Amino acid sequence: MKNFIITIILLSAVFVTGLAGWLASTNLLRPAKIETKVEETFYALTTKVVMIDYTTDIVWCEDYNGNIWEFYGCEDWAIDDIASLLMNDKGTENIEDDEIMSARYNGTFEGWR
């Protein structure tokens, strides 16, 4: 009878140890992880070059809504060029914090605003 009780205790210990290991490998005992990462999205924006400053190497562009955007690298740009911008919205609805990721020449318009 004594051997039986020792066997039951040992089997119970093995079971509890195995159960604890299994629970530790799952997310059942861990606190919920709160995701704070904001999903950033990219979008295309067509603009017109409205001003170039060769001293500071800055190009200013205006989109159809009248927002002004600027980027560095004015060597090949001219007033009234069309600049296709790849924009990053940084995961917010506020357009003022959007960032130009890339600017590409896309021709010119005669008489576009």
Protein backbone atom coordinates (compact mmCIF):
# COMPACT_ATOMS: atom_id res chain seq x y z
CA MET A 1 0.00 0.00 0.00
CA LYS A 2 2.89 2.33 0.81
CA ASN A 3 4.42 1.70 -2.64
CA PHE A 4 1.04 2.41 -4.24
CA ILE A 5 0.77 5.81 -2.52
CA ILE A 6 4.34 6.72 -3.51
CA THR A 7 3.57 5.73 -7.11
CA ILE A 8 0.42 7.88 -7.11
CA ILE A 9 2.37 10.85 -5.69
CA LEU A 10 5.13 10.45 -8.30
CA LEU A 11 2.62 10.17 -11.15
CA SER A 12 0.77 13.22 -9.83
CA ALA A 13 4.04 15.17 -9.68
CA VAL A 14 4.88 14.17 -13.27
CA PHE A 15 1.38 15.14 -14.39
CA VAL A 16 1.49 18.53 -12.63
CA THR A 17 4.99 19.25 -14.00
CA GLY A 18 3.86 18.33 -17.52
CA LEU A 19 0.72 20.41 -17.18
CA ALA A 20 2.70 23.40 -15.91
CA GLY A 21 5.12 23.08 -18.84
CA TRP A 22 2.27 22.90 -21.32
CA LEU A 23 0.53 25.95 -19.80
CA ALA A 24 3.78 27.90 -19.86
CA SER A 25 4.20 27.14 -23.58
CA THR A 26 0.72 28.49 -24.33
CA ASN A 27 -0.59 32.02 -23.86
CA LEU A 28 -3.05 30.91 -21.18
CA LEU A 29 -0.90 32.10 -18.28
CA ARG A 30 0.52 35.21 -19.94
CA PRO A 31 -1.16 38.60 -19.68
CA ALA A 32 -2.79 39.88 -22.85
CA LYS A 33 -0.41 41.79 -25.08
CA ILE A 34 -1.73 45.16 -26.16
CA GLU A 35 -0.64 46.10 -29.66
CA THR A 36 0.29 49.76 -29.93
CA LYS A 37 1.79 49.68 -33.42
CA VAL A 38 -0.05 51.90 -35.85
CA GLU A 39 -0.36 50.61 -39.39
CA GLU A 40 1.24 53.04 -41.80
CA THR A 41 -0.07 53.24 -45.32
CA PHE A 42 1.39 54.66 -48.47
CA TYR A 43 -0.44 56.59 -51.15
CA ALA A 44 0.37 58.43 -54.38
CA LEU A 45 -0.04 62.19 -54.64
CA THR A 46 0.18 64.24 -57.83
CA THR A 47 1.53 67.75 -57.35
CA LYS A 48 2.78 70.73 -59.35
CA VAL A 49 6.15 72.35 -58.64
CA VAL A 50 5.43 75.94 -57.56
CA MET A 51 8.78 77.14 -56.21
CA ILE A 52 12.43 76.08 -56.28
CA ASP A 53 15.20 77.39 -54.04
CA TYR A 54 18.59 76.40 -55.44
CA THR A 55 20.39 77.88 -52.42
CA THR A 56 18.70 75.55 -49.91
CA ASP A 57 18.10 72.77 -52.52
CA ILE A 58 14.36 72.67 -51.71
CA VAL A 59 11.47 72.07 -54.13
CA TRP A 60 7.96 73.18 -53.11
CA CYS A 61 4.95 71.45 -54.66
CA GLU A 62 1.23 72.12 -54.43
CA ASP A 63 -1.41 69.41 -54.59
CA TYR A 64 -4.90 69.89 -56.02
CA ASN A 65 -6.29 70.77 -52.56
CA GLY A 66 -3.79 73.61 -52.12
CA ASN A 67 -1.50 71.81 -49.65
CA ILE A 68 2.18 72.68 -50.02
CA TRP A 69 4.78 69.90 -49.82
CA GLU A 70 8.55 70.21 -49.94
CA PHE A 71 11.49 67.94 -50.61
CA TYR A 72 15.22 68.23 -51.18
CA GLY A 73 16.94 67.83 -54.52
CA CYS A 74 16.08 70.59 -56.99
CA GLU A 75 18.77 69.95 -59.66
CA ASP A 76 16.41 68.61 -62.38
CA TRP A 77 13.14 70.31 -61.41
CA ALA A 78 11.44 73.33 -63.02
CA ILE A 79 8.40 75.43 -62.13
CA ASP A 80 5.16 73.78 -63.42
CA ASP A 81 6.70 70.28 -63.50
CA ILE A 82 4.40 67.50 -62.32
CA ALA A 83 5.85 65.69 -59.30
CA SER A 84 4.39 62.30 -58.42
CA LEU A 85 4.97 61.81 -54.70
CA LEU A 86 4.88 58.57 -52.74
CA MET A 87 3.48 59.56 -49.35
CA ASN A 88 3.44 57.86 -45.94
CA ASP A 89 0.44 58.79 -43.79
CA LYS A 90 2.19 57.58 -40.60
CA GLY A 91 -1.03 55.87 -39.54
CA THR A 92 -2.88 59.10 -38.75
CA GLU A 93 -5.79 60.93 -40.34
CA ASN A 94 -3.96 64.26 -40.06
CA ILE A 95 -2.45 65.09 -43.46
CA GLU A 96 -0.02 67.60 -41.94
CA ASP A 97 2.24 64.87 -40.53
CA ASP A 98 2.42 62.89 -43.80
CA GLU A 99 5.91 62.35 -45.15
CA ILE A 100 7.24 62.30 -48.71
CA MET A 101 9.00 58.99 -49.27
CA SER A 102 9.84 59.50 -52.94
CA ALA A 103 9.42 62.17 -55.64
CA ARG A 104 9.39 61.40 -59.38
CA TYR A 105 9.13 63.65 -62.41
CA ASN A 106 5.94 63.05 -64.38
CA GLY A 107 5.83 65.74 -67.10
CA THR A 108 4.32 69.24 -67.18
CA PHE A 109 0.87 70.78 -67.49
CA GLU A 110 0.15 74.01 -69.29
CA GLY A 111 -2.31 76.10 -67.32
CA TRP A 112 -2.75 73.71 -64.37
CA ARG A 113 -3.64 75.98 -61.45
